[in-house]
Amino acid sequence: MASVTARLAKQGWDVARIAGINLPNDKRIVIGLTAIYGIGRAQSDQLVARTGVDPHLRVKDLTEDDVQKLRAAIEGSTVEGDLRRQVSQSIKRLQDIQSYRGVRHGKKLPLRGQRTKTNARTKRGKRVTVGSGRTKAAAKT
């Protein structure tokens, strides 16, 4: 019986789907809930405690009743598409009013006061060495 359940889980059956996201089957529920955009570890711990679900359970071992409790608890929160839209609208508002943070977002630079002379490689891209612009002596002749 256990092998049949495992095979169905591999084929995509009986997967815990909350807020439009398939939770990873082999992780504990506290970690699995963080796959949902807008739910971190702290909120995940609170949700599990509030619903009474055992935090040590794996996602694949959840009962349908546990999944329903978690869905109902998350229903009131802003997660996934709504939250992504809200964040992008906030950034667009900052860019529209041309605030410092909005300008930095537009230039894809750090916006919280970090230095950019030596760090911020992920934002600024690969290092490019720029020469003096002079042509070499061999190239002149």
C-alpha atoms as a PDB file:
ATOM      1  CA  MET A   1       0.000   0.000   0.000  1.00  0.00           C
ATOM      2  CA  ALA A   2       2.837   2.391   0.848  1.00  0.00           C
ATOM      3  CA  SER A   3       4.510   1.835  -2.520  1.00  0.00           C
ATOM      4  CA  VAL A   4       1.283   2.724  -4.341  1.00  0.00           C
ATOM      5  CA  THR A   5       1.044   5.993  -2.408  1.00  0.00           C
ATOM      6  CA  ALA A   6       4.682   6.801  -3.152  1.00  0.00           C
ATOM      7  CA  ARG A   7       4.147   6.075  -6.861  1.00  0.00           C
ATOM      8  CA  LEU A   8       1.067   8.320  -6.979  1.00  0.00           C
ATOM      9  CA  ALA A   9       2.945  11.119  -5.214  1.00  0.00           C
ATOM     10  CA  LYS A  10       5.729  10.860  -7.817  1.00  0.00           C
ATOM     11  CA  GLN A  11       3.161  11.098 -10.610  1.00  0.00           C
ATOM     12  CA  GLY A  12       1.753  14.292  -9.113  1.00  0.00           C
ATOM     13  CA  TRP A  13      -1.257  12.810  -7.313  1.00  0.00           C
ATOM     14  CA  ASP A  14      -2.091  13.658  -3.716  1.00  0.00           C
ATOM     15  CA  VAL A  15       0.163  16.698  -3.649  1.00  0.00           C
ATOM     16  CA  ALA A  16      -0.457  19.423  -1.080  1.00  0.00           C
ATOM     17  CA  ARG A  17      -1.444  22.476  -3.128  1.00  0.00           C
ATOM     18  CA  ILE A  18      -1.877  25.693  -1.171  1.00  0.00           C
ATOM     19  CA  ALA A  19      -2.276  29.192  -2.663  1.00  0.00           C
ATOM     20  CA  GLY A  20      -1.667  27.780  -6.145  1.00  0.00           C
ATOM     21  CA  ILE A  21       1.719  26.279  -5.216  1.00  0.00           C
ATOM     22  CA  ASN A  22       2.620  22.596  -5.011  1.00  0.00           C
ATOM     23  CA  LEU A  23       4.508  22.191  -1.749  1.00  0.00           C
ATOM     24  CA  PRO A  24       7.668  20.030  -1.890  1.00  0.00           C
ATOM     25  CA  ASN A  25       6.699  16.557  -0.624  1.00  0.00           C
ATOM     26  CA  ASP A  26       9.896  15.533   1.173  1.00  0.00           C
ATOM     27  CA  LYS A  27      10.296  18.638   3.353  1.00  0.00           C
ATOM     28  CA  ARG A  28       8.852  19.310   6.791  1.00  0.00           C
ATOM     29  CA  ILE A  29       5.685  21.393   6.666  1.00  0.00           C
ATOM     30  CA  VAL A  30       7.382  24.378   8.338  1.00  0.00           C
ATOM     31  CA  ILE A  31       9.970  24.497   5.544  1.00  0.00           C
ATOM     32  CA  GLY A  32       7.553  23.488   2.783  1.00  0.00           C
ATOM     33  CA  LEU A  33       5.265  26.454   3.459  1.00  0.00           C
ATOM     34  CA  THR A  34       8.144  28.839   2.694  1.00  0.00           C
ATOM     35  CA  ALA A  35       7.823  27.802  -0.979  1.00  0.00           C
ATOM     36  CA  ILE A  36       4.832  30.157  -1.054  1.00  0.00           C
ATOM     37  CA  TYR A  37       5.891  33.705  -1.953  1.00  0.00           C
ATOM     38  CA  GLY A  38       5.248  35.923   1.060  1.00  0.00           C
ATOM     39  CA  ILE A  39       5.598  33.235   3.727  1.00  0.00           C
ATOM     40  CA  GLY A  40       8.931  33.018   5.510  1.00  0.00           C
ATOM     41  CA  ARG A  41      10.087  30.898   8.414  1.00  0.00           C
ATOM     42  CA  ALA A  42       8.567  33.095  11.125  1.00  0.00           C
ATOM     43  CA  GLN A  43       5.122  33.252   9.515  1.00  0.00           C
ATOM     44  CA  SER A  44       5.319  29.546   8.698  1.00  0.00           C
ATOM     45  CA  ASP A  45       5.977  28.731  12.362  1.00  0.00           C
ATOM     46  CA  GLN A  46       3.024  30.914  13.401  1.00  0.00           C
ATOM     47  CA  LEU A  47       0.679  29.301  10.869  1.00  0.00           C
ATOM     48  CA  VAL A  48       1.576  25.785  11.971  1.00  0.00           C
ATOM     49  CA  ALA A  49       1.179  26.685  15.651  1.00  0.00           C
ATOM     50  CA  ARG A  50      -2.147  28.456  15.045  1.00  0.00           C
ATOM     51  CA  THR A  51      -3.645  25.582  13.043  1.00  0.00           C
ATOM     52  CA  GLY A  52      -2.410  22.867  15.393  1.00  0.00           C
ATOM     53  CA  VAL A  53      -0.569  20.910  12.678  1.00  0.00           C
ATOM     54  CA  ASP A  54       2.478  18.949  13.898  1.00  0.00           C
ATOM     55  CA  PRO A  55       5.548  20.951  12.719  1.00  0.00           C
ATOM     56  CA  HIS A  56       7.635  17.774  12.395  1.00  0.00           C
ATOM     57  CA  LEU A  57       5.341  16.202   9.800  1.00  0.00           C
ATOM     58  CA  ARG A  58       6.508  15.941   6.199  1.00  0.00           C
ATOM     59  CA  VAL A  59       4.285  17.510   3.555  1.00  0.00           C
ATOM     60  CA  LYS A  60       3.556  14.077   2.046  1.00  0.00           C
ATOM     61  CA  ASP A  61       2.279  12.846   5.449  1.00  0.00           C
ATOM     62  CA  LEU A  62      -0.304  15.641   5.880  1.00  0.00           C
ATOM     63  CA  THR A  63      -3.941  14.665   6.018  1.00  0.00           C
ATOM     64  CA  GLU A  64      -6.503  16.436   3.858  1.00  0.00           C
ATOM     65  CA  ASP A  65      -7.901  18.010   7.039  1.00  0.00           C
ATOM     66  CA  ASP A  66      -4.466  19.521   7.875  1.00  0.00           C
ATOM     67  CA  VAL A  67      -4.172  20.930   4.360  1.00  0.00           C
ATOM     68  CA  GLN A  68      -7.641  22.487   4.644  1.00  0.00           C
ATOM     69  CA  LYS A  69      -6.708  24.108   7.989  1.00  0.00           C
ATOM     70  CA  LEU A  70      -3.533  25.591   6.473  1.00  0.00           C
ATOM     71  CA  ARG A  71      -5.420  26.829   3.394  1.00  0.00           C
ATOM     72  CA  ALA A  72      -7.980  28.571   5.606  1.00  0.00           C
ATOM     73  CA  ALA A  73      -5.245  30.192   7.708  1.00  0.00           C
ATOM     74  CA  ILE A  74      -3.337  31.458   4.653  1.00  0.00           C
ATOM     75  CA  GLU A  75      -6.513  32.689   2.942  1.00  0.00           C
ATOM     76  CA  GLY A  76      -6.488  35.966   4.911  1.00  0.00           C
ATOM     77  CA  SER A  77      -2.842  36.763   4.092  1.00  0.00           C
ATOM     78  CA  THR A  78      -1.558  38.554   1.011  1.00  0.00           C
ATOM     79  CA  VAL A  79       0.597  35.981  -0.787  1.00  0.00           C
ATOM     80  CA  GLU A  80       1.798  34.978  -4.272  1.00  0.00           C
ATOM     81  CA  GLY A  81       0.349  36.995  -7.196  1.00  0.00           C
ATOM     82  CA  ASP A  82      -1.349  39.682  -5.089  1.00  0.00           C
ATOM     83  CA  LEU A  83       1.814  40.318  -3.085  1.00  0.00           C
ATOM     84  CA  ARG A  84       4.036  40.367  -6.202  1.00  0.00           C
ATOM     85  CA  ARG A  85       1.666  42.882  -7.800  1.00  0.00           C
ATOM     86  CA  GLN A  86       1.643  45.011  -4.649  1.00  0.00           C
ATOM     87  CA  VAL A  87       5.472  45.084  -4.490  1.00  0.00           C
ATOM     88  CA  SER A  88       5.835  45.967  -8.184  1.00  0.00           C
ATOM     89  CA  GLN A  89       3.249  48.760  -7.826  1.00  0.00           C
ATOM     90  CA  SER A  90       5.168  50.164  -4.856  1.00  0.00           C
ATOM     91  CA  ILE A  91       8.397  50.186  -6.868  1.00  0.00           C
ATOM     92  CA  LYS A  92       6.626  51.782  -9.848  1.00  0.00           C
ATOM     93  CA  ARG A  93       5.202  54.484  -7.559  1.00  0.00           C
ATOM     94  CA  LEU A  94       8.702  55.277  -6.279  1.00  0.00           C
ATOM     95  CA  GLN A  95       9.963  55.522  -9.857  1.00  0.00           C
ATOM     96  CA  ASP A  96       7.040  57.730 -10.925  1.00  0.00           C
ATOM     97  CA  ILE A  97       7.628  60.290  -8.169  1.00  0.00           C
ATOM     98  CA  GLN A  98      11.379  60.096  -8.937  1.00  0.00           C
ATOM     99  CA  SER A  99      12.401  59.513  -5.370  1.00  0.00           C
ATOM    100  CA  TYR A 100      15.995  58.515  -4.633  1.00  0.00           C
ATOM    101  CA  ARG A 101      14.977  54.895  -4.130  1.00  0.00           C
ATOM    102  CA  GLY A 102      12.956  54.938  -7.345  1.00  0.00           C
ATOM    103  CA  VAL A 103      15.889  56.277  -9.347  1.00  0.00           C
ATOM    104  CA  ARG A 104      18.183  53.618  -7.858  1.00  0.00           C
ATOM    105  CA  HIS A 105      15.631  50.935  -8.778  1.00  0.00           C
ATOM    106  CA  GLY A 106      15.581  52.285 -12.336  1.00  0.00           C
ATOM    107  CA  LYS A 107      19.384  52.170 -12.603  1.00  0.00           C
ATOM    108  CA  LYS A 108      19.441  48.715 -10.978  1.00  0.00           C
ATOM    109  CA  LEU A 109      21.784  49.849  -8.227  1.00  0.00           C
ATOM    110  CA  PRO A 110      21.660  49.182  -4.470  1.00  0.00           C
ATOM    111  CA  LEU A 111      19.230  51.543  -2.791  1.00  0.00           C
ATOM    112  CA  ARG A 112      19.869  51.186   0.918  1.00  0.00           C
ATOM    113  CA  GLY A 113      23.142  53.042   1.243  1.00  0.00           C
ATOM    114  CA  GLN A 114      25.566  50.259   0.346  1.00  0.00           C
ATOM    115  CA  ARG A 115      28.863  51.153  -1.262  1.00  0.00           C
ATOM    116  CA  THR A 116      29.198  50.531  -4.974  1.00  0.00           C
ATOM    117  CA  LYS A 117      32.853  51.350  -5.631  1.00  0.00           C
ATOM    118  CA  THR A 118      34.126  47.926  -4.620  1.00  0.00           C
ATOM    119  CA  ASN A 119      31.038  45.770  -4.018  1.00  0.00           C
ATOM    120  CA  ALA A 120      27.569  45.328  -5.610  1.00  0.00           C
ATOM    121  CA  ARG A 121      28.906  42.976  -8.287  1.00  0.00           C
ATOM    122  CA  THR A 122      25.588  41.179  -8.671  1.00  0.00           C
ATOM    123  CA  LYS A 123      23.868  44.454  -9.459  1.00  0.00           C
ATOM    124  CA  ARG A 124      26.620  46.022 -11.578  1.00  0.00           C
ATOM    125  CA  GLY A 125      27.590  42.922 -13.518  1.00  0.00           C
ATOM    126  CA  LYS A 126      30.905  41.351 -14.456  1.00  0.00           C
ATOM    127  CA  ARG A 127      34.061  43.417 -13.989  1.00  0.00           C
ATOM    128  CA  VAL A 128      35.222  45.110 -17.186  1.00  0.00           C
ATOM    129  CA  THR A 129      38.705  46.602 -17.320  1.00  0.00           C
ATOM    130  CA  VAL A 130      38.771  49.840 -19.260  1.00  0.00           C
ATOM    131  CA  GLY A 131      42.058  50.914 -20.870  1.00  0.00           C
ATOM    132  CA  SER A 132      43.354  54.423 -21.446  1.00  0.00           C
ATOM    133  CA  GLY A 133      42.100  54.604 -25.029  1.00  0.00           C
ATOM    134  CA  ARG A 134      45.573  55.043 -26.501  1.00  0.00           C
ATOM    135  CA  THR A 135      46.502  52.891 -29.437  1.00  0.00           C
ATOM    136  CA  LYS A 136      49.485  50.594 -28.972  1.00  0.00           C
ATOM    137  CA  ALA A 137      52.835  51.520 -30.610  1.00  0.00           C
ATOM    138  CA  ALA A 138      52.751  48.432 -32.870  1.00  0.00           C
ATOM    139  CA  ALA A 139      49.289  49.300 -34.118  1.00  0.00           C
ATOM    140  CA  LYS A 140      50.407  52.850 -35.143  1.00  0.00           C
ATOM    141  CA  THR A 141      52.873  51.631 -37.784  1.00  0.00           C
END
